[in-house]
Protein backbone atom coordinates (compact mmCIF):
# COMPACT_ATOMS: atom_id res chain seq x y z
CA MET A 1 -74.62 96.52 -30.12
CA ALA A 2 -74.11 93.18 -31.86
CA GLU A 3 -73.24 90.13 -29.78
CA ARG A 4 -72.52 86.52 -30.60
CA GLY A 5 -71.50 83.84 -28.18
CA GLY A 6 -70.93 86.42 -25.45
CA ARG A 7 -68.43 88.39 -27.54
CA ARG A 8 -68.66 92.16 -27.89
CA LEU A 9 -67.19 94.23 -30.70
CA SER A 10 -66.05 97.80 -30.15
CA LEU A 11 -63.85 100.54 -31.59
CA THR A 12 -61.98 103.15 -29.55
CA PHE A 13 -60.19 105.99 -31.32
CA TYR A 14 -57.04 107.28 -29.63
CA GLY A 15 -55.84 109.40 -32.54
CA GLY A 16 -56.81 110.60 -35.99
CA THR A 17 -59.97 112.27 -34.68
CA GLY A 18 -60.33 115.79 -36.03
CA GLU A 19 -56.73 115.86 -37.25
CA VAL A 20 -54.74 114.60 -40.22
CA GLY A 21 -52.91 111.54 -38.93
CA GLY A 22 -51.93 110.27 -35.53
CA ASN A 23 -54.14 107.24 -36.18
CA LYS A 24 -54.43 104.80 -33.27
CA ILE A 25 -57.61 102.72 -33.22
CA LEU A 26 -58.30 99.90 -30.79
CA LEU A 27 -60.55 97.16 -32.17
CA GLN A 28 -61.75 94.72 -29.52
CA ASP A 29 -63.75 91.60 -30.28
CA GLY A 30 -64.25 89.57 -27.12
CA ASP A 31 -60.80 88.75 -25.78
CA THR A 32 -59.02 89.78 -29.00
CA ARG A 33 -57.56 93.28 -29.08
CA VAL A 34 -55.70 94.79 -32.03
CA ILE A 35 -54.64 98.36 -32.72
CA LEU A 36 -54.95 99.76 -36.23
CA ASP A 37 -51.93 102.00 -36.89
CA PHE A 38 -49.87 103.67 -34.19
CA GLY A 39 -48.87 107.02 -35.61
CA MET A 40 -47.45 110.25 -34.26
CA SER A 41 -49.84 113.19 -33.94
CA PHE A 42 -47.87 116.03 -35.50
CA THR A 43 -50.58 118.51 -34.51
CA LEU A 44 -50.50 117.56 -30.84
CA ARG A 45 -46.71 117.26 -30.72
CA ARG A 46 -46.28 120.80 -32.08
CA GLN A 47 -48.42 122.15 -29.25
CA TYR A 48 -45.82 121.13 -26.65
CA TYR A 49 -42.50 120.50 -28.41
CA SER A 50 -40.20 122.22 -30.90
CA ASP A 51 -37.14 120.35 -32.13
CA PRO A 52 -34.26 120.32 -31.59
CA PHE A 53 -34.13 122.22 -28.29
CA LEU A 54 -37.50 121.24 -26.83
CA SER A 55 -37.90 117.54 -27.53
CA PRO A 56 -39.48 114.79 -25.42
CA LYS A 57 -36.87 113.13 -23.24
CA GLY A 58 -39.03 110.25 -22.00
CA GLU A 59 -42.43 108.67 -22.01
CA VAL A 60 -43.74 110.81 -19.13
CA GLY A 61 -44.33 113.84 -21.35
CA LEU A 62 -45.82 111.80 -24.18
CA LEU A 63 -48.32 110.22 -21.78
CA GLU A 64 -49.02 113.51 -19.98
CA PHE A 65 -49.96 115.35 -23.16
CA GLY A 66 -51.83 112.47 -24.79
CA LEU A 67 -49.30 111.78 -27.54
CA LEU A 68 -49.33 108.21 -26.24
CA PRO A 69 -52.69 106.91 -24.97
CA ARG A 70 -52.72 105.43 -21.50
CA LEU A 71 -53.08 101.78 -22.46
CA LYS A 72 -51.92 99.06 -20.11
CA GLY A 73 -49.79 96.26 -21.48
CA VAL A 74 -48.84 98.05 -24.71
CA TYR A 75 -45.53 99.84 -24.16
CA ARG A 76 -41.98 98.57 -23.86
CA PHE A 77 -41.33 100.84 -20.88
CA GLU A 78 -44.03 99.04 -18.87
CA ASP A 79 -43.35 96.04 -16.70
CA SER A 80 -46.53 94.13 -17.54
CA GLU A 81 -47.84 91.35 -19.71
CA PRO A 82 -48.93 92.25 -23.27
CA GLY A 83 -52.40 93.74 -23.26
CA ILE A 84 -53.03 93.58 -27.00
CA ASP A 85 -52.65 90.82 -29.56
CA ALA A 86 -51.15 92.81 -32.44
CA VAL A 87 -50.69 96.12 -34.22
CA LEU A 88 -51.73 96.41 -37.87
CA LEU A 89 -49.92 99.11 -39.86
CA SER A 90 -51.55 100.40 -43.03
CA HIS A 91 -48.37 102.08 -44.35
CA SER A 92 -45.06 103.66 -43.38
CA HIS A 93 -45.92 107.37 -43.13
CA MET A 94 -44.96 108.65 -39.68
CA ASP A 95 -48.47 109.81 -38.80
CA HIS A 96 -49.50 106.14 -39.06
CA SER A 97 -46.43 104.27 -37.90
CA ALA A 98 -43.87 106.30 -35.90
CA TYR A 99 -44.99 105.44 -32.37
CA VAL A 100 -45.02 101.71 -33.04
CA SER A 101 -41.46 102.13 -31.77
CA PHE A 102 -42.86 102.16 -28.22
CA ILE A 103 -44.69 98.83 -28.61
CA LYS A 104 -43.57 95.87 -26.50
CA ARG A 105 -41.22 93.73 -28.55
CA GLU A 106 -43.24 90.57 -27.92
CA ILE A 107 -46.33 92.11 -29.58
CA PRO A 108 -46.36 91.34 -33.34
CA VAL A 109 -46.53 94.27 -35.77
CA TYR A 110 -48.19 93.27 -39.05
CA CYS A 111 -47.44 95.34 -42.16
CA GLY A 112 -46.69 95.08 -45.85
CA GLU A 113 -43.21 93.99 -46.89
CA ALA A 114 -42.34 97.42 -48.32
CA THR A 115 -43.54 99.11 -45.13
CA ALA A 116 -41.20 97.01 -42.99
CA THR A 117 -38.32 97.72 -45.39
CA ILE A 118 -38.92 101.48 -45.32
CA LEU A 119 -39.28 101.67 -41.54
CA LYS A 120 -36.11 99.67 -40.96
CA ALA A 121 -34.18 101.82 -43.45
CA LEU A 122 -35.42 105.07 -41.93
CA ASP A 123 -34.50 103.77 -38.50
CA GLU A 124 -30.94 103.17 -39.74
CA VAL A 125 -30.48 106.65 -41.22
CA ARG A 126 -31.98 108.68 -38.38
CA ILE A 127 -29.89 110.12 -35.59
CA SER A 128 -30.65 107.92 -32.60
CA GLY A 129 -33.32 109.34 -30.35
CA PHE A 130 -36.03 108.46 -27.91
CA GLU A 131 -39.04 108.53 -30.23
CA PHE A 132 -38.02 106.43 -33.22
CA ASP A 133 -36.34 103.15 -32.39
CA MET A 134 -37.54 100.20 -34.46
CA GLU A 135 -34.84 97.80 -33.28
CA ASN A 136 -36.11 94.30 -32.46
CA LEU A 137 -39.72 95.04 -33.36
CA ALA A 138 -41.58 91.84 -34.19
CA PHE A 139 -42.45 92.67 -37.81
CA ARG A 140 -44.64 90.11 -39.57
CA THR A 141 -45.06 91.01 -43.22
CA PHE A 142 -47.78 90.22 -45.71
CA ARG A 143 -48.94 90.80 -49.26
CA THR A 144 -52.35 91.02 -50.88
CA GLY A 145 -53.86 87.54 -50.94
CA ASP A 146 -52.58 86.62 -47.49
CA LYS A 147 -55.01 85.90 -44.64
CA LEU A 148 -53.96 86.72 -41.08
CA ARG A 149 -55.34 84.92 -38.05
CA ILE A 150 -55.08 87.07 -34.92
CA GLY A 151 -56.90 85.65 -31.92
CA GLY A 152 -60.57 85.41 -32.88
CA LEU A 153 -60.13 87.65 -35.94
CA GLU A 154 -59.32 86.93 -39.55
CA VAL A 155 -57.74 89.85 -41.36
CA GLU A 156 -57.42 90.25 -45.12
CA PRO A 157 -54.95 92.97 -46.17
CA ILE A 158 -55.64 94.48 -49.59
CA HIS A 159 -53.31 96.91 -51.35
CA VAL A 160 -54.36 100.50 -52.08
CA ASP A 161 -52.83 103.30 -54.11
CA HIS A 162 -51.17 105.95 -51.93
CA SER A 163 -48.07 108.15 -52.08
CA VAL A 164 -45.82 105.50 -50.55
CA PRO A 165 -45.39 101.85 -51.60
CA GLY A 166 -46.67 99.03 -49.43
CA SER A 167 -49.94 100.79 -48.49
CA TYR A 168 -52.89 98.63 -47.45
CA GLY A 169 -56.45 98.66 -46.26
CA PHE A 170 -57.88 95.84 -44.17
CA VAL A 171 -61.04 93.76 -44.23
CA ILE A 172 -61.37 92.43 -40.69
CA TYR A 173 -63.76 89.53 -40.09
CA THR A 174 -65.18 89.78 -36.58
CA SER A 175 -67.81 87.87 -34.64
CA SER A 176 -70.36 90.50 -35.69
CA GLY A 177 -69.43 90.95 -39.34
CA ALA A 178 -66.78 92.64 -41.46
CA VAL A 179 -65.04 95.87 -40.40
CA VAL A 180 -63.09 97.72 -43.09
CA TYR A 181 -60.19 100.07 -42.39
CA THR A 182 -59.17 102.03 -45.50
CA GLY A 183 -55.92 103.52 -44.23
CA ASP A 184 -54.92 106.34 -46.62
CA PHE A 185 -55.92 105.83 -50.23
CA ARG A 186 -56.62 107.56 -53.52
CA MET A 187 -58.04 106.92 -56.98
CA HIS A 188 -55.87 109.36 -58.94
CA GLY A 189 -52.41 107.87 -58.44
CA SER A 190 -50.40 105.67 -60.76
CA LYS A 191 -52.27 102.47 -59.79
CA PRO A 192 -55.94 103.20 -59.04
CA GLU A 193 -56.73 99.55 -59.71
CA LEU A 194 -55.17 98.69 -56.35
CA THR A 195 -57.70 100.85 -54.49
CA GLU A 196 -60.47 99.40 -56.64
CA ASP A 197 -59.55 95.94 -55.31
CA LEU A 198 -60.24 97.07 -51.75
CA ILE A 199 -63.50 98.81 -52.64
CA ARG A 200 -64.72 95.77 -54.56
CA LYS A 201 -63.90 93.37 -51.74
CA ALA A 202 -65.48 95.62 -49.13
CA SER A 203 -68.61 95.94 -51.27
CA GLU A 204 -68.95 92.17 -51.42
CA GLU A 205 -68.77 91.87 -47.63
CA ARG A 206 -71.41 94.53 -46.80
CA PRO A 207 -69.46 95.62 -43.70
CA ILE A 208 -71.01 96.61 -40.41
CA ALA A 209 -68.49 99.44 -40.22
CA VAL A 210 -65.97 101.26 -42.39
CA ILE A 211 -63.24 103.37 -40.83
CA SER A 212 -62.32 105.81 -43.58
CA GLU A 213 -59.88 108.64 -44.04
CA GLY A 214 -61.40 112.05 -44.75
CA THR A 215 -58.37 114.21 -45.46
CA ASN A 216 -59.51 116.14 -48.52
CA ALA A 217 -62.47 118.46 -48.08
CA VAL A 218 -61.37 122.02 -48.94
CA GLY A 219 -59.00 123.32 -51.59
CA VAL A 220 -59.11 119.97 -53.36
CA GLU A 221 -57.00 119.83 -56.52
CA VAL A 222 -58.39 117.72 -59.35
CA SER A 223 -55.25 116.21 -60.80
CA SER A 224 -53.51 112.87 -61.22
CA GLU A 225 -50.03 111.39 -61.01
CA ALA A 226 -49.98 111.18 -64.81
CA GLU A 227 -50.66 114.93 -65.04
CA VAL A 228 -47.91 115.67 -62.51
CA ARG A 229 -45.51 113.57 -64.56
CA GLU A 230 -46.38 115.59 -67.66
CA LYS A 231 -45.91 118.91 -65.81
CA ILE A 232 -42.50 117.83 -64.55
CA ARG A 233 -41.50 116.69 -68.03
CA GLU A 234 -42.48 120.04 -69.56
CA ILE A 235 -40.61 122.10 -66.93
CA VAL A 236 -37.45 120.02 -67.22
CA ASN A 237 -37.47 120.10 -71.02
CA ARG A 238 -37.89 123.89 -71.14
CA ALA A 239 -35.31 124.76 -68.47
CA SER A 240 -32.01 126.01 -69.88
CA GLY A 241 -30.03 125.62 -66.66
CA LEU A 242 -29.92 123.40 -63.61
CA VAL A 243 -33.20 121.89 -62.43
CA LEU A 244 -33.56 121.31 -58.70
CA ALA A 245 -36.44 119.45 -57.08
CA ASN A 246 -37.75 118.15 -53.78
CA PHE A 247 -40.19 115.36 -52.98
CA SER A 248 -40.69 112.71 -50.31
CA CYS A 249 -37.83 110.23 -50.37
CA ALA A 250 -40.23 107.26 -50.10
CA ASP A 251 -42.56 108.39 -52.90
CA ILE A 252 -41.52 105.89 -55.56
CA ASP A 253 -44.18 107.05 -58.02
CA ARG A 254 -42.74 110.57 -57.94
CA LEU A 255 -39.21 109.23 -58.26
CA ARG A 256 -40.22 107.43 -61.46
CA SER A 257 -41.76 110.66 -62.79
CA PHE A 258 -38.54 112.61 -62.23
CA TYR A 259 -36.41 109.78 -63.59
CA SER A 260 -38.52 109.70 -66.75
CA ALA A 261 -38.22 113.48 -67.18
CA ALA A 262 -34.45 113.35 -66.70
CA GLU A 263 -34.06 110.51 -69.18
CA GLU A 264 -36.17 112.23 -71.85
CA SER A 265 -34.28 115.51 -71.50
CA GLY A 266 -30.85 113.88 -71.55
CA ARG A 267 -30.12 114.83 -67.94
CA TYR A 268 -28.74 112.90 -65.03
CA LEU A 269 -31.08 112.41 -62.08
CA VAL A 270 -29.04 113.08 -58.94
CA ILE A 271 -30.66 111.67 -55.81
CA THR A 272 -29.88 112.20 -52.12
CA LEU A 273 -27.90 109.77 -49.98
CA LYS A 274 -31.07 108.85 -48.08
CA GLN A 275 -32.92 108.11 -51.32
CA ALA A 276 -30.05 105.94 -52.54
CA TYR A 277 -29.97 104.03 -49.25
CA LEU A 278 -33.73 103.46 -49.36
CA LEU A 279 -33.72 102.50 -53.05
CA GLU A 280 -31.12 99.84 -52.42
CA ARG A 281 -33.30 98.34 -49.67
CA LEU A 282 -36.42 98.42 -51.86
CA SER A 283 -34.67 97.07 -54.97
CA THR A 284 -35.22 93.48 -53.84
CA ASP A 285 -39.00 93.94 -54.22
CA ILE A 286 -39.74 93.01 -57.84
CA HIS A 287 -43.24 94.51 -57.59
CA LEU A 288 -41.96 98.07 -57.14
CA GLU A 289 -39.87 98.45 -60.32
CA VAL A 290 -37.55 101.06 -58.79
CA PRO A 291 -34.72 102.58 -60.86
CA ARG A 292 -31.45 100.69 -60.51
CA LEU A 293 -28.58 102.43 -58.74
CA ASP A 294 -26.16 101.23 -61.41
CA ASP A 295 -28.21 102.99 -64.10
CA GLU A 296 -25.97 105.38 -66.01
CA ARG A 297 -28.58 108.13 -65.73
CA LEU A 298 -28.80 107.88 -61.93
CA LEU A 299 -26.15 109.56 -59.76
CA ILE A 300 -25.83 109.94 -55.99
CA PHE A 301 -25.22 113.39 -54.51
CA GLN A 302 -22.21 113.49 -52.20
CA LYS A 303 -22.82 116.37 -49.83
CA SER A 304 -19.95 118.55 -48.64
CA LYS A 305 -19.10 117.14 -45.21
CA LYS A 306 -15.96 116.48 -43.18
CA ARG A 307 -17.34 113.29 -41.65
CA TYR A 308 -19.97 110.88 -42.90
CA PHE A 309 -22.19 108.50 -40.98
CA GLY A 310 -21.78 104.80 -41.63
CA TRP A 311 -25.01 104.60 -43.61
CA GLU A 312 -23.90 107.59 -45.75
CA LYS A 313 -20.65 105.85 -46.60
CA GLU A 314 -22.63 102.76 -47.57
CA ALA A 315 -24.99 104.84 -49.72
CA MET A 316 -22.04 106.41 -51.57
CA SER A 317 -20.73 102.93 -52.38
CA LEU A 318 -23.98 101.89 -54.06
CA GLY A 319 -23.47 103.83 -57.31
CA LYS A 320 -21.62 106.66 -58.98
CA THR A 321 -21.40 109.83 -56.87
CA ILE A 322 -21.22 113.48 -57.87
CA ASN A 323 -20.42 116.55 -55.76
CA SER A 324 -21.36 120.23 -55.87
CA SER A 325 -18.36 121.39 -57.90
CA GLN A 326 -18.96 118.71 -60.53
CA ILE A 327 -22.64 119.67 -60.77
CA SER A 328 -21.62 123.32 -61.16
CA GLU A 329 -19.69 122.41 -64.32
CA MET A 330 -22.57 120.49 -65.98
CA GLN A 331 -25.71 122.28 -64.84
CA LYS A 332 -27.67 121.89 -68.07
CA ARG A 333 -27.33 118.12 -67.81
CA VAL A 334 -28.49 117.70 -64.22
CA LEU A 335 -31.79 117.28 -62.39
CA LEU A 336 -30.78 117.49 -58.72
CA ILE A 337 -32.93 116.48 -55.76
CA LEU A 338 -32.22 119.07 -53.08
CA THR A 339 -34.14 119.45 -49.81
CA LEU A 340 -34.37 122.57 -47.66
CA TYR A 341 -31.70 121.17 -45.36
CA ASP A 342 -29.30 120.79 -48.31
CA MET A 343 -29.67 124.38 -49.53
CA GLU A 344 -26.16 125.36 -48.44
CA GLU A 345 -24.86 123.16 -51.26
CA LEU A 346 -26.00 125.95 -53.60
CA LEU A 347 -22.99 127.94 -52.43
CA GLY A 348 -20.74 125.50 -54.26
CA ILE A 349 -23.05 124.97 -57.23
CA ASN A 350 -23.92 128.65 -57.93
CA PRO A 351 -26.89 127.99 -60.27
CA LYS A 352 -26.72 129.76 -63.61
CA PRO A 353 -29.51 131.87 -65.12
CA GLY A 354 -32.27 129.67 -66.51
CA SER A 355 -32.21 127.32 -63.53
CA CYS A 356 -35.37 126.57 -61.52
CA TYR A 357 -36.76 124.63 -58.58
CA ILE A 358 -39.67 122.15 -58.56
CA LEU A 359 -41.44 121.60 -55.24
CA SER A 360 -43.20 118.26 -55.62
CA ALA A 361 -44.61 117.96 -52.12
CA SER A 362 -47.43 119.44 -50.08
CA GLU A 363 -47.45 123.17 -49.59
CA PRO A 364 -47.05 124.43 -45.99
CA PHE A 365 -50.19 123.98 -43.88
CA ASN A 366 -49.04 125.24 -40.48
CA GLU A 367 -46.89 127.99 -38.96
CA GLU A 368 -43.81 125.81 -38.49
CA MET A 369 -43.87 124.62 -42.10
CA GLU A 370 -44.47 128.20 -43.23
CA LEU A 371 -41.26 129.32 -41.51
CA ASP A 372 -39.27 126.57 -43.21
CA PHE A 373 -40.94 127.36 -46.53
CA ASN A 374 -39.94 131.01 -46.24
CA LYS A 375 -36.32 130.03 -45.63
CA MET A 376 -36.37 127.98 -48.83
CA VAL A 377 -37.90 130.90 -50.76
CA ASN A 378 -35.11 133.17 -49.49
CA TRP A 379 -32.46 130.80 -50.89
CA LEU A 380 -34.29 130.57 -54.20
CA LYS A 381 -34.71 134.33 -54.37
CA HIS A 382 -31.00 134.88 -53.72
CA TYR A 383 -30.03 132.68 -56.67
CA GLY A 384 -32.87 133.76 -58.98
CA LEU A 385 -34.61 130.36 -59.03
CA PRO A 386 -38.32 130.46 -59.80
CA GLN A 387 -40.28 127.79 -57.97
CA TYR A 388 -42.81 125.51 -59.63
CA HIS A 389 -45.29 123.40 -57.69
CA ALA A 390 -46.07 120.02 -59.27
CA HIS A 391 -47.80 117.73 -56.82
CA VAL A 392 -50.88 115.60 -56.34
CA SER A 393 -52.41 114.55 -53.06
CA GLY A 394 -52.00 111.07 -51.65
CA HIS A 395 -55.61 111.19 -50.50
CA VAL A 396 -58.92 110.47 -52.18
CA THR A 397 -61.07 113.38 -53.37
CA PRO A 398 -64.54 113.96 -51.81
CA LEU A 399 -66.57 112.79 -54.82
CA GLN A 400 -64.52 109.63 -55.19
CA LEU A 401 -64.65 108.98 -51.46
CA LYS A 402 -68.42 109.32 -51.40
CA GLU A 403 -68.79 106.92 -54.31
CA ALA A 404 -66.45 104.39 -52.66
CA LEU A 405 -68.43 104.54 -49.41
CA ARG A 406 -71.71 104.28 -51.30
CA ARG A 407 -70.50 101.07 -52.92
CA MET A 408 -69.26 99.64 -49.62
CA CYS A 409 -72.71 100.32 -48.13
CA ALA A 410 -71.65 99.84 -44.51
CA LYS A 411 -74.06 100.22 -41.62
CA LYS A 412 -71.75 102.84 -40.12
CA VAL A 413 -68.94 104.94 -41.52
CA PHE A 414 -66.42 106.38 -39.06
CA LEU A 415 -64.72 109.41 -40.64
CA ILE A 416 -61.21 110.13 -39.34
CA HIS A 417 -57.89 111.64 -40.51
CA GLY A 418 -59.19 115.08 -41.44
CA THR A 419 -59.83 118.59 -40.10
CA HIS A 420 -63.11 119.21 -41.93
CA LEU A 421 -64.96 116.01 -41.11
CA ASP A 422 -68.17 117.88 -40.27
CA LEU A 423 -68.20 119.22 -43.83
CA LEU A 424 -67.71 115.74 -45.28
CA SER A 425 -70.38 114.34 -42.98
CA LYS A 426 -72.95 116.80 -44.34
CA PHE A 427 -71.75 116.14 -47.89
CA MET A 428 -72.45 112.43 -47.37
CA ARG A 429 -75.70 112.65 -45.44
CA ASP A 430 -77.69 111.14 -48.31
CA LEU A 431 -75.76 107.85 -48.12
CA GLU A 432 -77.52 104.83 -46.66
CA SER A 433 -74.71 104.48 -44.10
CA GLU A 434 -74.81 106.25 -40.75
CA ILE A 435 -71.94 108.75 -40.72
CA VAL A 436 -70.08 109.01 -37.40
CA ILE A 437 -67.36 111.50 -36.48
CA PRO A 438 -65.73 109.71 -33.55
CA GLU A 439 -64.46 111.44 -30.43
CA LYS A 440 -61.05 110.71 -29.00
CA GLY A 441 -61.07 108.09 -26.25
CA VAL A 442 -64.75 107.18 -26.66
CA ARG A 443 -65.64 103.52 -27.07
CA TYR A 444 -68.11 102.76 -29.87
CA GLU A 445 -69.88 99.42 -29.64
CA LEU A 446 -70.99 97.72 -32.84
């Protein structure tokens, strides 16, 4: 254990250990305490709850089952003084950010500008509930190049390439040396140079510890965002009927790929109301280069409903809308984004022969997702829509991860955010760094 001036540095992992996501890591340096990410553990939540009929109604269940760690002075439902100095969010994916909604409103939440924008927008479009309420959170945003002073720590956020904009890693300067938190990152996306910036900076600092994701270990696909873009382009160009697709609404890289394919093939890209609402919020960020909602090639899908929420009405006012019957009349000229929960719109569209569906998201990896996936396949089968899969992971591959960690040359590497961390640990045993697979709730002194 390193000590300077009576200060002690430690890490305690309350999530992300042996699972993909749910990251919650307490870093304590003397009297300064910050938590890195505060995500929802989907794995743990599925063990006890099943929406919509069996959902948590209060904090008691979340604490009882370990979805929220028992930390004093952290939660808004506690009547106590703040027990931490800040939360640092690496990005907006729910497994890293969702449970920040429970944080006391006087505790600052540091995140990238795009992350704050996305979380606020998602908060506005969700049906109000107990688990996701971002109202009045003390967001403090940053960009690469900023330096954050939090108690006795200095934190340098550095952008990384991931499947959502506004993703960051952190170089944290402590009393005992630099600690690096990678968040989620990759080298095969549209901007690998962003991740290279973090690796280079970490390498210069020779950190005492790196906390790294370890998502990809088995069934790793060697592909890139550029290759996915080319696959989408080829499918869209060859299809003789309607092209339907689905991808994460916050994946701006994938949106650009579909927009490019639609433009080249002379089709309209028809996006969901949620995507339109989010795009409008992100359009003020000049660094993202998102398609404009007044673009003649971009239309907004007006679902068949008797009543619309306020945010849906706003989304429909942001550009030109199109409905199912209109799409039915111009199928060869449309690339429509359609999620599983929008499948009933096919009743009004009635896709013609030659139409197809592109799934541009992760394949199902648990029983619940498998059930949803089978429902989607049944819809596609009914209408004779072959399904293509064109996707690339948001996470670094094992060889690239090992090389990044070799260059960082930390004294210790804590592997988290994965279900095959023992495999990765053996794969990396010839690195100079000590590889640690942390246990949940255990305090590791540095």
